[in-house]
């Protein structure tokens, strides 16, 4: 009998480990300027106003609320209807070069200042992301220079 309990326990621990280690970061963005709260309620304390395109890491999703993390690691609650599944990243260095190919020696398409939001198009899998500026320009940026990718 003890062997069965240990086997079930080991199975459940293994299952839990598999799900927790396989969890990928799921990013969302703010669809329009929205209030960030300290709890999932309109009666909770209003902490900040999030700007449009702000990338946030989704931590927990309830019926009408989502617990999110910002680029500083702070946790907030936001109404689910305020979020978009369209992904944006944010430049985290003073100026990042966006290039025409995923290569440090490629031509610079444009320079992106710190905190600029860029639409995330794809992860190239080699340390580069394909992004689009709001003006329509497309290029590649180093993963290490942005947050939300």
C-alpha atoms as a PDB file:
ATOM      1  CA  UNK A   1       0.000   0.000   0.000  1.00  0.00           C
ATOM      2  CA  UNK A   2       2.794   2.446   0.837  1.00  0.00           C
ATOM      3  CA  UNK A   3       4.457   1.783  -2.505  1.00  0.00           C
ATOM      4  CA  UNK A   4       1.297   2.850  -4.367  1.00  0.00           C
ATOM      5  CA  UNK A   5       1.054   6.069  -2.338  1.00  0.00           C
ATOM      6  CA  UNK A   6       4.717   6.866  -3.022  1.00  0.00           C
ATOM      7  CA  UNK A   7       4.259   6.072  -6.711  1.00  0.00           C
ATOM      8  CA  UNK A   8       1.210   8.358  -6.967  1.00  0.00           C
ATOM      9  CA  UNK A   9       3.035  11.058  -5.030  1.00  0.00           C
ATOM     10  CA  UNK A  10       6.101  10.773  -7.249  1.00  0.00           C
ATOM     11  CA  UNK A  11       3.890  10.874 -10.337  1.00  0.00           C
ATOM     12  CA  UNK A  12       2.089  14.011  -9.141  1.00  0.00           C
ATOM     13  CA  UNK A  13       5.382  15.734  -8.256  1.00  0.00           C
ATOM     14  CA  UNK A  14       6.779  14.849 -11.667  1.00  0.00           C
ATOM     15  CA  UNK A  15       3.641  16.117 -13.363  1.00  0.00           C
ATOM     16  CA  UNK A  16       3.789  19.365 -11.394  1.00  0.00           C
ATOM     17  CA  UNK A  17       7.482  19.807 -12.263  1.00  0.00           C
ATOM     18  CA  UNK A  18       6.780  19.178 -15.946  1.00  0.00           C
ATOM     19  CA  UNK A  19       4.036  21.810 -16.090  1.00  0.00           C
ATOM     20  CA  UNK A  20       5.956  24.400 -14.074  1.00  0.00           C
ATOM     21  CA  UNK A  21       9.199  23.991 -16.025  1.00  0.00           C
ATOM     22  CA  UNK A  22       7.421  23.883 -19.389  1.00  0.00           C
ATOM     23  CA  UNK A  23       5.585  27.125 -18.672  1.00  0.00           C
ATOM     24  CA  UNK A  24       6.541  29.668 -21.278  1.00  0.00           C
ATOM     25  CA  UNK A  25       6.271  33.355 -20.658  1.00  0.00           C
ATOM     26  CA  UNK A  26       3.010  34.641 -22.058  1.00  0.00           C
ATOM     27  CA  UNK A  27       3.098  38.312 -22.904  1.00  0.00           C
ATOM     28  CA  UNK A  28       0.179  40.593 -23.635  1.00  0.00           C
ATOM     29  CA  UNK A  29       0.008  44.311 -24.310  1.00  0.00           C
ATOM     30  CA  UNK A  30      -2.218  47.132 -23.182  1.00  0.00           C
ATOM     31  CA  UNK A  31      -4.816  47.909 -25.870  1.00  0.00           C
ATOM     32  CA  UNK A  32      -5.609  51.450 -24.668  1.00  0.00           C
ATOM     33  CA  UNK A  33      -4.514  53.518 -21.640  1.00  0.00           C
ATOM     34  CA  UNK A  34      -5.740  51.524 -18.632  1.00  0.00           C
ATOM     35  CA  UNK A  35      -5.596  51.551 -14.859  1.00  0.00           C
ATOM     36  CA  UNK A  36      -3.419  49.065 -12.976  1.00  0.00           C
ATOM     37  CA  UNK A  37      -4.833  47.968  -9.610  1.00  0.00           C
ATOM     38  CA  UNK A  38      -3.448  46.249  -6.510  1.00  0.00           C
ATOM     39  CA  UNK A  39      -6.276  43.669  -6.508  1.00  0.00           C
ATOM     40  CA  UNK A  40      -8.791  42.251  -9.022  1.00  0.00           C
ATOM     41  CA  UNK A  41     -11.581  44.740  -8.310  1.00  0.00           C
ATOM     42  CA  UNK A  42     -12.667  48.176  -9.487  1.00  0.00           C
ATOM     43  CA  UNK A  43     -12.844  49.051  -5.780  1.00  0.00           C
ATOM     44  CA  UNK A  44      -9.153  48.189  -5.262  1.00  0.00           C
ATOM     45  CA  UNK A  45      -6.434  50.829  -5.046  1.00  0.00           C
ATOM     46  CA  UNK A  46      -5.596  52.426  -8.393  1.00  0.00           C
ATOM     47  CA  UNK A  47      -1.816  52.361  -8.739  1.00  0.00           C
ATOM     48  CA  UNK A  48      -0.844  53.537 -12.215  1.00  0.00           C
ATOM     49  CA  UNK A  49      -2.141  54.222 -15.693  1.00  0.00           C
ATOM     50  CA  UNK A  50      -0.553  51.893 -18.242  1.00  0.00           C
ATOM     51  CA  UNK A  51       0.060  53.344 -21.690  1.00  0.00           C
ATOM     52  CA  UNK A  52      -1.069  51.757 -24.939  1.00  0.00           C
ATOM     53  CA  UNK A  53       1.268  49.016 -26.260  1.00  0.00           C
ATOM     54  CA  UNK A  54       2.917  48.463 -22.860  1.00  0.00           C
ATOM     55  CA  UNK A  55       4.098  44.833 -22.789  1.00  0.00           C
ATOM     56  CA  UNK A  56       3.135  42.893 -19.670  1.00  0.00           C
ATOM     57  CA  UNK A  57       3.806  39.323 -18.633  1.00  0.00           C
ATOM     58  CA  UNK A  58       0.569  37.477 -17.879  1.00  0.00           C
ATOM     59  CA  UNK A  59       0.825  35.638 -14.556  1.00  0.00           C
ATOM     60  CA  UNK A  60      -2.768  34.664 -13.677  1.00  0.00           C
ATOM     61  CA  UNK A  61      -5.963  35.031 -15.660  1.00  0.00           C
ATOM     62  CA  UNK A  62      -9.382  35.127 -13.985  1.00  0.00           C
ATOM     63  CA  UNK A  63     -12.784  35.744 -15.568  1.00  0.00           C
ATOM     64  CA  UNK A  64     -12.455  39.517 -15.986  1.00  0.00           C
ATOM     65  CA  UNK A  65      -9.022  40.237 -14.527  1.00  0.00           C
ATOM     66  CA  UNK A  66      -5.390  39.402 -15.283  1.00  0.00           C
ATOM     67  CA  UNK A  67      -2.480  39.558 -12.876  1.00  0.00           C
ATOM     68  CA  UNK A  68       0.507  40.949 -14.781  1.00  0.00           C
ATOM     69  CA  UNK A  69       4.180  41.729 -14.233  1.00  0.00           C
ATOM     70  CA  UNK A  70       5.914  44.774 -15.686  1.00  0.00           C
ATOM     71  CA  UNK A  71       9.532  45.126 -16.800  1.00  0.00           C
ATOM     72  CA  UNK A  72      10.580  46.064 -13.243  1.00  0.00           C
ATOM     73  CA  UNK A  73       9.080  42.863 -11.816  1.00  0.00           C
ATOM     74  CA  UNK A  74       6.167  44.633 -10.108  1.00  0.00           C
ATOM     75  CA  UNK A  75       2.815  42.838 -10.023  1.00  0.00           C
ATOM     76  CA  UNK A  76      -0.517  44.474 -10.839  1.00  0.00           C
ATOM     77  CA  UNK A  77      -4.073  43.592 -11.780  1.00  0.00           C
ATOM     78  CA  UNK A  78      -5.686  44.871 -14.971  1.00  0.00           C
ATOM     79  CA  UNK A  79      -9.090  44.320 -16.507  1.00  0.00           C
ATOM     80  CA  UNK A  80      -8.904  41.601 -19.153  1.00  0.00           C
ATOM     81  CA  UNK A  81     -10.822  43.764 -21.648  1.00  0.00           C
ATOM     82  CA  UNK A  82      -7.954  46.299 -21.523  1.00  0.00           C
ATOM     83  CA  UNK A  83      -5.469  43.812 -22.963  1.00  0.00           C
ATOM     84  CA  UNK A  84      -4.570  42.769 -26.483  1.00  0.00           C
ATOM     85  CA  UNK A  85      -3.008  39.498 -27.575  1.00  0.00           C
ATOM     86  CA  UNK A  86      -0.977  41.485 -30.124  1.00  0.00           C
ATOM     87  CA  UNK A  87       2.533  41.397 -28.699  1.00  0.00           C
ATOM     88  CA  UNK A  88       4.771  44.384 -28.255  1.00  0.00           C
ATOM     89  CA  UNK A  89       8.256  44.626 -26.821  1.00  0.00           C
ATOM     90  CA  UNK A  90       9.893  47.621 -25.167  1.00  0.00           C
ATOM     91  CA  UNK A  91      13.458  48.827 -25.721  1.00  0.00           C
ATOM     92  CA  UNK A  92      15.370  48.689 -22.416  1.00  0.00           C
ATOM     93  CA  UNK A  93      18.667  50.335 -23.407  1.00  0.00           C
ATOM     94  CA  UNK A  94      19.251  54.027 -24.263  1.00  0.00           C
ATOM     95  CA  UNK A  95      19.317  53.403 -28.051  1.00  0.00           C
ATOM     96  CA  UNK A  96      18.949  50.095 -29.906  1.00  0.00           C
ATOM     97  CA  UNK A  97      19.799  49.515 -33.545  1.00  0.00           C
ATOM     98  CA  UNK A  98      17.118  47.756 -35.559  1.00  0.00           C
ATOM     99  CA  UNK A  99      18.814  46.033 -38.497  1.00  0.00           C
ATOM    100  CA  UNK A 100      17.704  44.713 -41.883  1.00  0.00           C
ATOM    101  CA  UNK A 101      18.938  41.188 -41.056  1.00  0.00           C
ATOM    102  CA  UNK A 102      19.441  39.320 -37.761  1.00  0.00           C
ATOM    103  CA  UNK A 103      23.168  40.047 -37.736  1.00  0.00           C
ATOM    104  CA  UNK A 104      25.214  42.578 -35.746  1.00  0.00           C
ATOM    105  CA  UNK A 105      26.935  43.687 -38.975  1.00  0.00           C
ATOM    106  CA  UNK A 106      23.728  44.207 -40.989  1.00  0.00           C
ATOM    107  CA  UNK A 107      22.583  47.669 -42.063  1.00  0.00           C
ATOM    108  CA  UNK A 108      20.652  49.743 -39.515  1.00  0.00           C
ATOM    109  CA  UNK A 109      17.040  50.296 -40.603  1.00  0.00           C
ATOM    110  CA  UNK A 110      16.283  52.673 -37.713  1.00  0.00           C
ATOM    111  CA  UNK A 111      17.317  53.424 -34.160  1.00  0.00           C
ATOM    112  CA  UNK A 112      14.881  52.792 -31.332  1.00  0.00           C
ATOM    113  CA  UNK A 113      15.102  54.896 -28.159  1.00  0.00           C
ATOM    114  CA  UNK A 114      14.604  53.486 -24.675  1.00  0.00           C
ATOM    115  CA  UNK A 115      10.987  52.579 -23.806  1.00  0.00           C
ATOM    116  CA  UNK A 116       9.862  52.639 -27.446  1.00  0.00           C
ATOM    117  CA  UNK A 117       7.218  49.995 -28.105  1.00  0.00           C
ATOM    118  CA  UNK A 118       7.771  47.796 -31.159  1.00  0.00           C
ATOM    119  CA  UNK A 119       5.401  45.146 -32.426  1.00  0.00           C
ATOM    120  CA  UNK A 120       6.834  41.648 -31.882  1.00  0.00           C
ATOM    121  CA  UNK A 121       6.597  39.653 -35.107  1.00  0.00           C
ATOM    122  CA  UNK A 122       8.698  36.562 -34.360  1.00  0.00           C
ATOM    123  CA  UNK A 123      11.599  35.120 -32.427  1.00  0.00           C
ATOM    124  CA  UNK A 124      14.367  34.181 -34.836  1.00  0.00           C
ATOM    125  CA  UNK A 125      15.781  31.681 -32.302  1.00  0.00           C
ATOM    126  CA  UNK A 126      19.321  33.072 -32.538  1.00  0.00           C
ATOM    127  CA  UNK A 127      19.136  35.955 -30.083  1.00  0.00           C
ATOM    128  CA  UNK A 128      17.210  38.211 -32.476  1.00  0.00           C
ATOM    129  CA  UNK A 129      13.568  39.256 -32.744  1.00  0.00           C
ATOM    130  CA  UNK A 130      11.758  40.433 -35.836  1.00  0.00           C
ATOM    131  CA  UNK A 131       9.874  43.646 -35.019  1.00  0.00           C
ATOM    132  CA  UNK A 132       7.771  46.356 -36.651  1.00  0.00           C
ATOM    133  CA  UNK A 133       7.815  50.053 -35.797  1.00  0.00           C
ATOM    134  CA  UNK A 134       4.444  51.829 -35.647  1.00  0.00           C
ATOM    135  CA  UNK A 135       5.426  53.630 -38.888  1.00  0.00           C
ATOM    136  CA  UNK A 136       5.569  50.224 -40.636  1.00  0.00           C
ATOM    137  CA  UNK A 137       9.366  49.783 -40.758  1.00  0.00           C
ATOM    138  CA  UNK A 138      10.390  46.167 -40.153  1.00  0.00           C
ATOM    139  CA  UNK A 139      13.724  44.925 -38.868  1.00  0.00           C
ATOM    140  CA  UNK A 140      15.597  42.813 -36.349  1.00  0.00           C
ATOM    141  CA  UNK A 141      16.624  43.697 -32.819  1.00  0.00           C
ATOM    142  CA  UNK A 142      18.744  41.833 -30.275  1.00  0.00           C
ATOM    143  CA  UNK A 143      16.635  39.985 -27.714  1.00  0.00           C
ATOM    144  CA  UNK A 144      18.909  41.230 -24.904  1.00  0.00           C
ATOM    145  CA  UNK A 145      18.070  44.881 -25.707  1.00  0.00           C
ATOM    146  CA  UNK A 146      14.316  44.586 -25.149  1.00  0.00           C
ATOM    147  CA  UNK A 147      11.745  43.427 -22.624  1.00  0.00           C
ATOM    148  CA  UNK A 148       8.638  41.466 -23.437  1.00  0.00           C
ATOM    149  CA  UNK A 149      10.032  39.211 -26.131  1.00  0.00           C
END
